[in-house]
Amino acid sequence: MVQNPTNNPELRIQELESLLEESQQTIKAIKADAYAINRNKVPDGYAQGGDFVYRVLVEKFQEGAINITEEGLIIYTNDSFSELLKLPYENVIGASFFDFVHPVSQNWSRRLFNDALKGKSKGEINLIVNDTVIPVYVSLTSLQPKLPTIGIIISDLSEKKKMDQVILAYQKDLEAKNLTLLQTNAELASFAYIASHDLQEPLRKIQTFSTRIMENDFEHISESGKDHFNRMQASAKRMQMLIEDLLTYSRTNTQGHKFEDADLQKLIEEVKADLKEELQQKEAVIDATEMCHAYIIPFQFRQLLYNLISNALKFSNPAKPPVIKINSEI
C-alpha cells in the first residue's frame, strides 16, 4: 500500500528537503550559466548567431534589463542593472527583485507584477540599496508561454527627478515673482491715482489765480508779462492734460489703452510749445514737416517725442545751435 505523503510527516519532510535541494541547485546553475552568458566572447566573427547578437544588445542597454521568475527570483540581469544598484553581479542573481524595492513601493510594485503575470504593466517605483533611494520606471512583460518568467526593463529616473525639482523650484519662484509684480503694479497704480488726484488741486489754483490776474489787471501788465502769463496758462493746461492721462493710465492696463488715429505734426507742435524756453536758449531748430498720421496712444507718443527732443537739446554741442530733424514714414 502506497502511503500519502501528506499523512506521513517523515515522507513530507523528505519531500520538502528534496525540493529545497533542487531549488538550490537550480539557483547555482542559473548563476553559473547566466554569468557565462554575460561574459562569453564571440570566438570567430558571429558564429554564435542571433542569440549572441541578442545577448550583446541587451548587455549594451543603458537601461537595466532583468528576467525574474513568477516568484520574483532574478535569474538574469544585464550589467546596467547591477551598476544601477551598485552591487556585484553575484549579489543580484538569485536574489528576489522585491528585496530591492523600497517599502513605500512594495504594494504598487507587486500590483504591477501581478498585472504582468497576465500580460504587461508599467509604472514608477522606488528601489533602495544601502539606504540609497533610486526612482525608476519599470516596464514588465510576461514571457509566457515560451518562458515561465517576466522580463523587466528598468529606467533610472534620478536625473529626471532632479530636473523636475529644479523646474518646480523655478516655477514656484516665478509664481512668487509674478505675485510680487502684481502687487507692485497695484501699488504703483494706486500711488499714481492718489498723486495725480492731489496734484490737480494746486494746479487748479494756479490756473484760477492766473486767469483772475489776466482778467482784472490785463491793462496794467506789460506785453512781456502778458506773454509770460499766457505761457504759464498753456503750461498749466498741459500739466492738467498730463495728470488726466496719468489718471487714465493708472486705471487701465496696457490692453485697455485707447489707440487713436493721431496727427504727428500736431503732437510735435505741442512738444515745441512745451520746450519753447529750451529751444530759444539753445537757438535750436526742429525740422519736422509733412508728418503722417499714426494709430497710437497719443499721450504716450507725445511723451516719447518730448523725451527724445529734450535729450537732443540736453546733449547737443554747446558750440553751435542744434538742428533736430524728424521724419515719418508708414
C-alpha atoms as a PDB file:
ATOM      1  CA  MET A   1       0.000   0.000   0.000  1.00  0.00           C
ATOM      2  CA  VAL A   2       1.420   3.409  -1.043  1.00  0.00           C
ATOM      3  CA  GLN A   3       1.291   5.980   1.718  1.00  0.00           C
ATOM      4  CA  ASN A   4       0.076   9.508   1.074  1.00  0.00           C
ATOM      5  CA  PRO A   5       2.989  11.873   1.907  1.00  0.00           C
ATOM      6  CA  THR A   6       0.602  14.375   3.457  1.00  0.00           C
ATOM      7  CA  ASN A   7      -0.318  11.755   6.058  1.00  0.00           C
ATOM      8  CA  ASN A   8       3.300  10.815   6.808  1.00  0.00           C
ATOM      9  CA  PRO A   9       5.383  13.601   8.402  1.00  0.00           C
ATOM     10  CA  GLU A  10       8.690  11.873   7.649  1.00  0.00           C
ATOM     11  CA  LEU A  11       7.864  11.495   3.956  1.00  0.00           C
ATOM     12  CA  ARG A  12       6.672  15.142   3.825  1.00  0.00           C
ATOM     13  CA  ILE A  13       9.965  16.341   5.345  1.00  0.00           C
ATOM     14  CA  GLN A  14      11.946  14.278   2.870  1.00  0.00           C
ATOM     15  CA  GLU A  15       9.910  15.707   0.009  1.00  0.00           C
ATOM     16  CA  LEU A  16      10.491  19.283   1.183  1.00  0.00           C
ATOM     17  CA  GLU A  17      14.221  18.666   1.619  1.00  0.00           C
ATOM     18  CA  SER A  18      14.349  17.259  -1.884  1.00  0.00           C
ATOM     19  CA  LEU A  19      12.564  20.312  -3.298  1.00  0.00           C
ATOM     20  CA  LEU A  20      14.885  22.632  -1.379  1.00  0.00           C
ATOM     21  CA  GLU A  21      17.927  20.804  -2.734  1.00  0.00           C
ATOM     22  CA  GLU A  22      16.590  21.068  -6.261  1.00  0.00           C
ATOM     23  CA  SER A  23      15.916  24.814  -5.814  1.00  0.00           C
ATOM     24  CA  GLN A  24      19.429  25.429  -4.540  1.00  0.00           C
ATOM     25  CA  GLN A  25      20.915  23.501  -7.433  1.00  0.00           C
ATOM     26  CA  THR A  26      18.751  25.450  -9.847  1.00  0.00           C
ATOM     27  CA  ILE A  27      19.932  28.779  -8.430  1.00  0.00           C
ATOM     28  CA  LYS A  28      23.565  27.687  -8.655  1.00  0.00           C
ATOM     29  CA  ALA A  29      23.060  26.578 -12.233  1.00  0.00           C
ATOM     30  CA  ILE A  30      21.307  29.813 -13.114  1.00  0.00           C
ATOM     31  CA  LYS A  31      24.107  31.872 -11.629  1.00  0.00           C
ATOM     32  CA  ALA A  32      26.806  29.872 -13.371  1.00  0.00           C
ATOM     33  CA  ASP A  33      25.015  29.800 -16.715  1.00  0.00           C
ATOM     34  CA  ALA A  34      23.971  33.444 -16.672  1.00  0.00           C
ATOM     35  CA  TYR A  35      27.463  34.517 -15.638  1.00  0.00           C
ATOM     36  CA  ALA A  36      28.951  32.516 -18.506  1.00  0.00           C
ATOM     37  CA  ILE A  37      26.472  34.002 -20.964  1.00  0.00           C
ATOM     38  CA  ASN A  38      27.171  37.555 -19.824  1.00  0.00           C
ATOM     39  CA  ARG A  39      30.951  37.110 -20.016  1.00  0.00           C
ATOM     40  CA  ASN A  40      31.028  34.983 -23.162  1.00  0.00           C
ATOM     41  CA  LYS A  41      33.193  36.239 -26.048  1.00  0.00           C
ATOM     42  CA  VAL A  42      32.364  35.547 -29.656  1.00  0.00           C
ATOM     43  CA  PRO A  43      35.086  33.154 -30.940  1.00  0.00           C
ATOM     44  CA  ASP A  44      35.169  33.794 -34.676  1.00  0.00           C
ATOM     45  CA  GLY A  45      33.006  36.507 -36.155  1.00  0.00           C
ATOM     46  CA  TYR A  46      29.331  35.853 -35.417  1.00  0.00           C
ATOM     47  CA  ALA A  47      29.482  32.096 -35.211  1.00  0.00           C
ATOM     48  CA  GLN A  48      27.014  32.035 -32.307  1.00  0.00           C
ATOM     49  CA  GLY A  49      24.270  33.537 -34.456  1.00  0.00           C
ATOM     50  CA  GLY A  50      21.218  35.580 -33.481  1.00  0.00           C
ATOM     51  CA  ASP A  51      21.156  34.529 -29.811  1.00  0.00           C
ATOM     52  CA  PHE A  52      24.574  36.002 -29.229  1.00  0.00           C
ATOM     53  CA  VAL A  53      23.668  39.241 -31.019  1.00  0.00           C
ATOM     54  CA  TYR A  54      20.526  39.491 -28.890  1.00  0.00           C
ATOM     55  CA  ARG A  55      22.514  38.978 -25.677  1.00  0.00           C
ATOM     56  CA  VAL A  56      25.062  41.596 -26.696  1.00  0.00           C
ATOM     57  CA  LEU A  57      22.228  44.022 -27.487  1.00  0.00           C
ATOM     58  CA  VAL A  58      20.637  43.506 -24.073  1.00  0.00           C
ATOM     59  CA  GLU A  59      24.002  43.790 -22.353  1.00  0.00           C
ATOM     60  CA  LYS A  60      24.689  47.101 -24.113  1.00  0.00           C
ATOM     61  CA  PHE A  61      21.384  48.592 -22.953  1.00  0.00           C
ATOM     62  CA  GLN A  62      21.846  51.708 -20.876  1.00  0.00           C
ATOM     63  CA  GLU A  63      18.618  50.633 -19.215  1.00  0.00           C
ATOM     64  CA  GLY A  64      18.536  47.830 -16.685  1.00  0.00           C
ATOM     65  CA  ALA A  65      17.199  44.527 -18.026  1.00  0.00           C
ATOM     66  CA  ILE A  66      16.298  41.597 -15.796  1.00  0.00           C
ATOM     67  CA  ASN A  67      14.370  38.376 -16.010  1.00  0.00           C
ATOM     68  CA  ILE A  68      12.514  37.117 -12.940  1.00  0.00           C
ATOM     69  CA  THR A  69      10.535  34.006 -12.128  1.00  0.00           C
ATOM     70  CA  GLU A  70       6.878  34.047 -11.194  1.00  0.00           C
ATOM     71  CA  GLU A  71       8.056  34.075  -7.569  1.00  0.00           C
ATOM     72  CA  GLY A  72      10.129  37.223  -8.138  1.00  0.00           C
ATOM     73  CA  LEU A  73      13.539  35.499  -8.265  1.00  0.00           C
ATOM     74  CA  ILE A  74      16.080  37.274 -10.511  1.00  0.00           C
ATOM     75  CA  ILE A  75      17.504  34.698 -12.952  1.00  0.00           C
ATOM     76  CA  TYR A  76      19.119  37.164 -15.369  1.00  0.00           C
ATOM     77  CA  THR A  77      20.445  40.700 -15.204  1.00  0.00           C
ATOM     78  CA  ASN A  78      22.493  42.842 -17.540  1.00  0.00           C
ATOM     79  CA  ASP A  79      25.384  44.974 -16.287  1.00  0.00           C
ATOM     80  CA  SER A  80      23.330  48.164 -16.299  1.00  0.00           C
ATOM     81  CA  PHE A  81      21.010  46.919 -13.567  1.00  0.00           C
ATOM     82  CA  SER A  82      23.927  45.805 -11.383  1.00  0.00           C
ATOM     83  CA  GLU A  83      25.574  49.195 -11.923  1.00  0.00           C
ATOM     84  CA  LEU A  84      22.326  50.954 -11.088  1.00  0.00           C
ATOM     85  CA  LEU A  85      22.173  49.100  -7.762  1.00  0.00           C
ATOM     86  CA  LYS A  86      25.957  49.492  -7.282  1.00  0.00           C
ATOM     87  CA  LEU A  87      26.109  45.824  -6.337  1.00  0.00           C
ATOM     88  CA  PRO A  88      28.273  42.970  -7.611  1.00  0.00           C
ATOM     89  CA  TYR A  89      26.677  40.806 -10.242  1.00  0.00           C
ATOM     90  CA  GLU A  90      26.741  37.787  -7.910  1.00  0.00           C
ATOM     91  CA  ASN A  91      24.677  39.680  -5.298  1.00  0.00           C
ATOM     92  CA  VAL A  92      21.899  40.338  -7.793  1.00  0.00           C
ATOM     93  CA  ILE A  93      21.446  36.947  -9.467  1.00  0.00           C
ATOM     94  CA  GLY A  94      19.335  34.620  -7.331  1.00  0.00           C
ATOM     95  CA  ALA A  95      18.004  37.446  -5.149  1.00  0.00           C
ATOM     96  CA  SER A  96      14.353  38.426  -5.020  1.00  0.00           C
ATOM     97  CA  PHE A  97      13.539  41.515  -7.058  1.00  0.00           C
ATOM     98  CA  PHE A  98      11.341  42.718  -4.216  1.00  0.00           C
ATOM     99  CA  ASP A  99      14.362  42.784  -1.886  1.00  0.00           C
ATOM    100  CA  PHE A 100      15.478  45.860  -3.822  1.00  0.00           C
ATOM    101  CA  VAL A 101      12.077  47.590  -3.772  1.00  0.00           C
ATOM    102  CA  HIS A 102      11.557  50.449  -1.326  1.00  0.00           C
ATOM    103  CA  PRO A 103       8.924  49.743   1.365  1.00  0.00           C
ATOM    104  CA  VAL A 104       6.703  52.581   0.129  1.00  0.00           C
ATOM    105  CA  SER A 105       6.661  50.975  -3.349  1.00  0.00           C
ATOM    106  CA  GLN A 106       6.119  47.370  -2.284  1.00  0.00           C
ATOM    107  CA  ASN A 107       2.342  47.309  -2.753  1.00  0.00           C
ATOM    108  CA  TRP A 108       2.444  49.130  -6.081  1.00  0.00           C
ATOM    109  CA  SER A 109       5.326  47.016  -7.427  1.00  0.00           C
ATOM    110  CA  ARG A 110       3.518  43.782  -6.509  1.00  0.00           C
ATOM    111  CA  ARG A 111       0.394  45.059  -8.243  1.00  0.00           C
ATOM    112  CA  LEU A 112       2.452  45.754 -11.373  1.00  0.00           C
ATOM    113  CA  PHE A 113       3.994  42.313 -11.032  1.00  0.00           C
ATOM    114  CA  ASN A 114       0.607  40.580 -10.724  1.00  0.00           C
ATOM    115  CA  ASP A 115      -0.708  42.527 -13.723  1.00  0.00           C
ATOM    116  CA  ALA A 116       2.365  41.467 -15.705  1.00  0.00           C
ATOM    117  CA  LEU A 117       1.640  37.817 -14.973  1.00  0.00           C
ATOM    118  CA  LYS A 118      -1.403  38.302 -17.208  1.00  0.00           C
ATOM    119  CA  GLY A 119       0.389  40.308 -19.885  1.00  0.00           C
ATOM    120  CA  LYS A 120       2.068  43.681 -19.454  1.00  0.00           C
ATOM    121  CA  SER A 121       2.293  46.548 -16.967  1.00  0.00           C
ATOM    122  CA  LYS A 122       4.417  49.610 -16.308  1.00  0.00           C
ATOM    123  CA  GLY A 123       4.814  52.399 -13.796  1.00  0.00           C
ATOM    124  CA  GLU A 124       7.125  54.283 -11.442  1.00  0.00           C
ATOM    125  CA  ILE A 125       8.548  52.768  -8.272  1.00  0.00           C
ATOM    126  CA  ASN A 126      11.439  53.402  -5.900  1.00  0.00           C
ATOM    127  CA  LEU A 127      14.289  50.967  -5.387  1.00  0.00           C
ATOM    128  CA  ILE A 128      16.501  51.076  -2.290  1.00  0.00           C
ATOM    129  CA  VAL A 129      20.038  49.764  -1.816  1.00  0.00           C
ATOM    130  CA  ASN A 130      22.179  50.584   1.228  1.00  0.00           C
ATOM    131  CA  ASP A 131      19.771  53.379   2.230  1.00  0.00           C
ATOM    132  CA  THR A 132      20.039  54.948  -1.236  1.00  0.00           C
ATOM    133  CA  VAL A 133      16.658  55.556  -2.858  1.00  0.00           C
ATOM    134  CA  ILE A 134      16.597  55.156  -6.649  1.00  0.00           C
ATOM    135  CA  PRO A 135      13.473  56.308  -8.536  1.00  0.00           C
ATOM    136  CA  VAL A 136      12.913  54.130 -11.605  1.00  0.00           C
ATOM    137  CA  TYR A 137      10.374  53.476 -14.330  1.00  0.00           C
ATOM    138  CA  VAL A 138       9.686  49.766 -14.880  1.00  0.00           C
ATOM    139  CA  SER A 139       8.123  48.050 -17.864  1.00  0.00           C
ATOM    140  CA  LEU A 140       7.112  44.425 -17.167  1.00  0.00           C
ATOM    141  CA  THR A 141       6.206  41.835 -19.811  1.00  0.00           C
ATOM    142  CA  SER A 142       5.221  38.201 -19.308  1.00  0.00           C
ATOM    143  CA  LEU A 143       7.311  35.804 -21.402  1.00  0.00           C
ATOM    144  CA  GLN A 144       4.665  33.075 -21.208  1.00  0.00           C
ATOM    145  CA  PRO A 145       4.189  30.582 -22.785  1.00  0.00           C
ATOM    146  CA  LYS A 146       7.784  30.358 -24.061  1.00  0.00           C
ATOM    147  CA  LEU A 147       9.310  31.023 -20.630  1.00  0.00           C
ATOM    148  CA  PRO A 148       7.713  30.990 -17.165  1.00  0.00           C
ATOM    149  CA  THR A 149       9.299  34.331 -16.400  1.00  0.00           C
ATOM    150  CA  ILE A 150       8.727  38.069 -16.556  1.00  0.00           C
ATOM    151  CA  GLY A 151      11.074  40.433 -18.364  1.00  0.00           C
ATOM    152  CA  ILE A 152      11.581  43.887 -16.848  1.00  0.00           C
ATOM    153  CA  ILE A 153      13.214  46.975 -18.313  1.00  0.00           C
ATOM    154  CA  ILE A 154      14.294  49.448 -15.617  1.00  0.00           C
ATOM    155  CA  SER A 155      14.959  53.111 -16.452  1.00  0.00           C
ATOM    156  CA  ASP A 156      16.764  55.297 -13.906  1.00  0.00           C
ATOM    157  CA  LEU A 157      14.738  58.459 -13.187  1.00  0.00           C
ATOM    158  CA  SER A 158      17.224  60.067 -10.788  1.00  0.00           C
ATOM    159  CA  GLU A 159      18.353  62.814 -13.172  1.00  0.00           C
ATOM    160  CA  LYS A 160      14.809  63.422 -14.386  1.00  0.00           C
ATOM    161  CA  LYS A 161      13.602  63.783 -10.796  1.00  0.00           C
ATOM    162  CA  LYS A 162      16.392  66.266 -10.088  1.00  0.00           C
ATOM    163  CA  MET A 163      15.424  68.286 -13.145  1.00  0.00           C
ATOM    164  CA  ASP A 164      11.771  68.111 -12.117  1.00  0.00           C
ATOM    165  CA  GLN A 165      12.730  69.539  -8.731  1.00  0.00           C
ATOM    166  CA  VAL A 166      14.720  72.327 -10.391  1.00  0.00           C
ATOM    167  CA  ILE A 167      11.813  73.126 -12.725  1.00  0.00           C
ATOM    168  CA  LEU A 168       9.334  73.022  -9.832  1.00  0.00           C
ATOM    169  CA  ALA A 169      11.521  75.362  -7.779  1.00  0.00           C
ATOM    170  CA  TYR A 170      11.839  77.685 -10.788  1.00  0.00           C
ATOM    171  CA  GLN A 171       8.063  77.663 -11.312  1.00  0.00           C
ATOM    172  CA  LYS A 172       7.443  78.451  -7.644  1.00  0.00           C
ATOM    173  CA  ASP A 173       9.999  81.252  -7.783  1.00  0.00           C
ATOM    174  CA  LEU A 174       8.413  82.596 -10.955  1.00  0.00           C
ATOM    175  CA  GLU A 175       4.944  82.468  -9.406  1.00  0.00           C
ATOM    176  CA  ALA A 176       6.230  84.313  -6.336  1.00  0.00           C
ATOM    177  CA  LYS A 177       7.865  86.977  -8.522  1.00  0.00           C
ATOM    178  CA  ASN A 178       4.694  87.324 -10.606  1.00  0.00           C
ATOM    179  CA  LEU A 179       2.676  87.785  -7.434  1.00  0.00           C
ATOM    180  CA  THR A 180       5.152  90.408  -6.218  1.00  0.00           C
ATOM    181  CA  LEU A 181       4.984  92.122  -9.599  1.00  0.00           C
ATOM    182  CA  LEU A 182       1.184  92.196  -9.495  1.00  0.00           C
ATOM    183  CA  GLN A 183       1.270  93.665  -6.002  1.00  0.00           C
ATOM    184  CA  THR A 184       3.863  96.250  -7.066  1.00  0.00           C
ATOM    185  CA  ASN A 185       1.803  97.216 -10.113  1.00  0.00           C
ATOM    186  CA  ALA A 186      -1.281  97.593  -7.949  1.00  0.00           C
ATOM    187  CA  GLU A 187       0.647  99.779  -5.513  1.00  0.00           C
ATOM    188  CA  LEU A 188       2.049 101.891  -8.349  1.00  0.00           C
ATOM    189  CA  ALA A 189      -1.393 102.295  -9.866  1.00  0.00           C
ATOM    190  CA  SER A 190      -2.779 103.342  -6.501  1.00  0.00           C
ATOM    191  CA  PHE A 191       0.107 105.767  -5.954  1.00  0.00           C
ATOM    192  CA  ALA A 192      -0.299 107.256  -9.443  1.00  0.00           C
ATOM    193  CA  TYR A 193      -4.014 107.781  -8.862  1.00  0.00           C
ATOM    194  CA  ILE A 194      -3.535 109.413  -5.461  1.00  0.00           C
ATOM    195  CA  ALA A 195      -0.600 111.558  -6.584  1.00  0.00           C
ATOM    196  CA  SER A 196      -2.394 112.698  -9.729  1.00  0.00           C
ATOM    197  CA  HIS A 197      -5.552 113.489  -7.814  1.00  0.00           C
ATOM    198  CA  ASP A 198      -3.646 115.521  -5.198  1.00  0.00           C
ATOM    199  CA  LEU A 199      -1.685 117.388  -7.866  1.00  0.00           C
ATOM    200  CA  GLN A 200      -4.822 118.711  -9.512  1.00  0.00           C
ATOM    201  CA  GLU A 201      -5.877 120.931  -6.620  1.00  0.00           C
ATOM    202  CA  PRO A 202      -2.802 123.236  -6.544  1.00  0.00           C
ATOM    203  CA  LEU A 203      -2.810 123.251 -10.335  1.00  0.00           C
ATOM    204  CA  ARG A 204      -6.413 124.440 -10.390  1.00  0.00           C
ATOM    205  CA  LYS A 205      -5.457 127.281  -8.037  1.00  0.00           C
ATOM    206  CA  ILE A 206      -2.602 128.320 -10.336  1.00  0.00           C
ATOM    207  CA  GLN A 207      -4.989 128.360 -13.285  1.00  0.00           C
ATOM    208  CA  THR A 208      -7.645 130.253 -11.292  1.00  0.00           C
ATOM    209  CA  PHE A 209      -5.316 132.974  -9.991  1.00  0.00           C
ATOM    210  CA  SER A 210      -3.553 133.476 -13.328  1.00  0.00           C
ATOM    211  CA  THR A 211      -6.935 133.804 -15.036  1.00  0.00           C
ATOM    212  CA  ARG A 212      -8.083 136.408 -12.486  1.00  0.00           C
ATOM    213  CA  ILE A 213      -4.905 138.416 -12.961  1.00  0.00           C
ATOM    214  CA  MET A 214      -5.312 138.323 -16.740  1.00  0.00           C
ATOM    215  CA  GLU A 215      -8.965 139.375 -16.466  1.00  0.00           C
ATOM    216  CA  ASN A 216      -8.675 142.074 -13.765  1.00  0.00           C
ATOM    217  CA  ASP A 217      -5.211 143.523 -14.355  1.00  0.00           C
ATOM    218  CA  PHE A 218      -4.732 142.844 -18.036  1.00  0.00           C
ATOM    219  CA  GLU A 219      -4.240 146.510 -18.991  1.00  0.00           C
ATOM    220  CA  HIS A 220      -1.676 147.034 -16.236  1.00  0.00           C
ATOM    221  CA  ILE A 221       0.548 144.165 -17.374  1.00  0.00           C
ATOM    222  CA  SER A 222       3.393 144.693 -19.816  1.00  0.00           C
ATOM    223  CA  GLU A 223       3.468 142.858 -23.111  1.00  0.00           C
ATOM    224  CA  SER A 224       6.231 140.550 -21.872  1.00  0.00           C
ATOM    225  CA  GLY A 225       4.242 139.933 -18.684  1.00  0.00           C
ATOM    226  CA  LYS A 226       1.165 139.038 -20.745  1.00  0.00           C
ATOM    227  CA  ASP A 227       3.264 136.632 -22.772  1.00  0.00           C
ATOM    228  CA  HIS A 228       4.561 135.029 -19.586  1.00  0.00           C
ATOM    229  CA  PHE A 229       1.051 134.647 -18.212  1.00  0.00           C
ATOM    230  CA  ASN A 230      -0.204 133.143 -21.459  1.00  0.00           C
ATOM    231  CA  ARG A 231       2.622 130.655 -21.483  1.00  0.00           C
ATOM    232  CA  MET A 232       2.022 129.907 -17.800  1.00  0.00           C
ATOM    233  CA  GLN A 233      -1.634 129.154 -18.529  1.00  0.00           C
ATOM    234  CA  ALA A 234      -0.658 126.990 -21.517  1.00  0.00           C
ATOM    235  CA  SER A 235       1.813 125.064 -19.339  1.00  0.00           C
ATOM    236  CA  ALA A 236      -0.813 124.653 -16.627  1.00  0.00           C
ATOM    237  CA  LYS A 237      -3.268 123.352 -19.191  1.00  0.00           C
ATOM    238  CA  ARG A 238      -0.618 120.986 -20.491  1.00  0.00           C
ATOM    239  CA  MET A 239       0.087 119.826 -16.952  1.00  0.00           C
ATOM    240  CA  GLN A 240      -3.582 119.175 -16.390  1.00  0.00           C
ATOM    241  CA  MET A 241      -3.700 117.025 -19.533  1.00  0.00           C
ATOM    242  CA  LEU A 242      -0.678 115.036 -18.341  1.00  0.00           C
ATOM    243  CA  ILE A 243      -2.297 114.459 -14.955  1.00  0.00           C
ATOM    244  CA  GLU A 244      -5.536 113.325 -16.576  1.00  0.00           C
ATOM    245  CA  ASP A 245      -3.561 110.974 -18.848  1.00  0.00           C
ATOM    246  CA  LEU A 246      -1.700 109.621 -15.823  1.00  0.00           C
ATOM    247  CA  LEU A 247      -5.003 109.007 -14.078  1.00  0.00           C
ATOM    248  CA  THR A 248      -6.276 107.151 -17.122  1.00  0.00           C
ATOM    249  CA  TYR A 249      -3.073 105.123 -17.284  1.00  0.00           C
ATOM    250  CA  SER A 250      -3.322 104.135 -13.623  1.00  0.00           C
ATOM    251  CA  ARG A 251      -6.903 102.936 -14.036  1.00  0.00           C
ATOM    252  CA  THR A 252      -6.327 100.691 -17.006  1.00  0.00           C
ATOM    253  CA  ASN A 253      -3.867  98.063 -18.183  1.00  0.00           C
ATOM    254  CA  THR A 254      -1.969  98.113 -21.450  1.00  0.00           C
ATOM    255  CA  GLN A 255      -4.751  96.324 -23.303  1.00  0.00           C
ATOM    256  CA  GLY A 256      -7.199  98.932 -22.056  1.00  0.00           C
ATOM    257  CA  HIS A 257      -5.391 101.916 -23.583  1.00  0.00           C
ATOM    258  CA  LYS A 258      -7.208 103.617 -26.377  1.00  0.00           C
ATOM    259  CA  PHE A 259      -5.407 103.716 -29.703  1.00  0.00           C
ATOM    260  CA  GLU A 260      -6.360 106.606 -31.924  1.00  0.00           C
ATOM    261  CA  ASP A 261      -5.595 107.999 -35.364  1.00  0.00           C
ATOM    262  CA  ALA A 262      -3.353 110.920 -34.369  1.00  0.00           C
ATOM    263  CA  ASP A 263      -1.653 113.707 -36.322  1.00  0.00           C
ATOM    264  CA  LEU A 264       2.063 113.526 -35.518  1.00  0.00           C
ATOM    265  CA  GLN A 265       2.585 117.097 -36.720  1.00  0.00           C
ATOM    266  CA  LYS A 266       0.145 118.336 -34.080  1.00  0.00           C
ATOM    267  CA  LEU A 267       1.916 116.369 -31.350  1.00  0.00           C
ATOM    268  CA  ILE A 268       5.283 117.820 -32.364  1.00  0.00           C
ATOM    269  CA  GLU A 269       3.874 121.347 -32.268  1.00  0.00           C
ATOM    270  CA  GLU A 270       2.599 120.701 -28.733  1.00  0.00           C
ATOM    271  CA  VAL A 271       6.037 119.462 -27.683  1.00  0.00           C
ATOM    272  CA  LYS A 272       7.714 122.501 -29.285  1.00  0.00           C
ATOM    273  CA  ALA A 273       5.414 124.733 -27.255  1.00  0.00           C
ATOM    274  CA  ASP A 274       6.323 122.883 -24.046  1.00  0.00           C
ATOM    275  CA  LEU A 275      10.040 123.271 -24.804  1.00  0.00           C
ATOM    276  CA  LYS A 276       9.865 126.837 -26.087  1.00  0.00           C
ATOM    277  CA  GLU A 277      12.322 128.255 -23.497  1.00  0.00           C
ATOM    278  CA  GLU A 278      14.882 125.474 -24.090  1.00  0.00           C
ATOM    279  CA  LEU A 279      14.612 125.876 -27.875  1.00  0.00           C
ATOM    280  CA  GLN A 280      15.144 129.653 -27.614  1.00  0.00           C
ATOM    281  CA  GLN A 281      18.052 129.301 -25.217  1.00  0.00           C
ATOM    282  CA  LYS A 282      19.825 126.812 -27.484  1.00  0.00           C
ATOM    283  CA  GLU A 283      18.734 128.628 -30.651  1.00  0.00           C
ATOM    284  CA  ALA A 284      17.637 125.187 -31.802  1.00  0.00           C
ATOM    285  CA  VAL A 285      15.695 124.394 -34.934  1.00  0.00           C
ATOM    286  CA  ILE A 286      13.236 121.495 -35.242  1.00  0.00           C
ATOM    287  CA  ASP A 287      12.824 120.391 -38.822  1.00  0.00           C
ATOM    288  CA  ALA A 288       9.616 118.337 -38.932  1.00  0.00           C
ATOM    289  CA  THR A 289       7.404 118.761 -41.981  1.00  0.00           C
ATOM    290  CA  GLU A 290       4.826 116.624 -43.714  1.00  0.00           C
ATOM    291  CA  MET A 291       4.420 114.318 -40.738  1.00  0.00           C
ATOM    292  CA  CYS A 292       1.974 111.467 -41.262  1.00  0.00           C
ATOM    293  CA  HIS A 293      -0.908 110.193 -39.177  1.00  0.00           C
ATOM    294  CA  ALA A 294      -0.379 107.130 -36.969  1.00  0.00           C
ATOM    295  CA  TYR A 295      -2.600 104.774 -34.988  1.00  0.00           C
ATOM    296  CA  ILE A 296      -1.153 105.324 -31.496  1.00  0.00           C
ATOM    297  CA  ILE A 297      -1.884 106.173 -27.869  1.00  0.00           C
ATOM    298  CA  PRO A 298      -1.496 109.970 -28.190  1.00  0.00           C
ATOM    299  CA  PHE A 299      -0.365 110.935 -24.698  1.00  0.00           C
ATOM    300  CA  GLN A 300       2.278 108.194 -24.595  1.00  0.00           C
ATOM    301  CA  PHE A 301       3.623 109.110 -28.019  1.00  0.00           C
ATOM    302  CA  ARG A 302       3.634 112.803 -27.100  1.00  0.00           C
ATOM    303  CA  GLN A 303       5.704 111.974 -24.014  1.00  0.00           C
ATOM    304  CA  LEU A 304       8.051 109.904 -26.177  1.00  0.00           C
ATOM    305  CA  LEU A 305       8.618 112.835 -28.551  1.00  0.00           C
ATOM    306  CA  TYR A 306       9.112 115.175 -25.598  1.00  0.00           C
ATOM    307  CA  ASN A 307      11.795 112.932 -24.081  1.00  0.00           C
ATOM    308  CA  LEU A 308      13.626 112.459 -27.376  1.00  0.00           C
ATOM    309  CA  ILE A 309      13.687 116.156 -28.271  1.00  0.00           C
ATOM    310  CA  SER A 310      14.561 117.163 -24.696  1.00  0.00           C
ATOM    311  CA  ASN A 311      17.517 114.751 -24.699  1.00  0.00           C
ATOM    312  CA  ALA A 312      18.625 116.008 -28.112  1.00  0.00           C
ATOM    313  CA  LEU A 313      18.747 119.547 -26.725  1.00  0.00           C
ATOM    314  CA  LYS A 314      20.367 118.474 -23.487  1.00  0.00           C
ATOM    315  CA  PHE A 315      23.240 116.604 -25.134  1.00  0.00           C
ATOM    316  CA  SER A 316      23.780 118.914 -28.118  1.00  0.00           C
ATOM    317  CA  ASN A 317      27.083 120.600 -28.931  1.00  0.00           C
ATOM    318  CA  PRO A 318      27.099 123.905 -26.997  1.00  0.00           C
ATOM    319  CA  ALA A 319      29.376 125.435 -29.621  1.00  0.00           C
ATOM    320  CA  LYS A 320      26.702 125.524 -32.311  1.00  0.00           C
ATOM    321  CA  PRO A 321      22.890 125.666 -32.499  1.00  0.00           C
ATOM    322  CA  PRO A 322      21.340 122.192 -32.754  1.00  0.00           C
ATOM    323  CA  VAL A 323      19.166 121.158 -35.689  1.00  0.00           C
ATOM    324  CA  ILE A 324      16.724 118.349 -34.901  1.00  0.00           C
ATOM    325  CA  LYS A 325      15.260 116.569 -37.906  1.00  0.00           C
ATOM    326  CA  ILE A 326      12.170 114.412 -37.525  1.00  0.00           C
ATOM    327  CA  ASN A 327      10.800 112.313 -40.388  1.00  0.00           C
ATOM    328  CA  SER A 328       7.844 109.947 -40.539  1.00  0.00           C
ATOM    329  CA  GLU A 329       7.055 107.120 -42.905  1.00  0.00           C
ATOM    330  CA  ILE A 330       4.432 104.384 -42.996  1.00  0.00           C
END
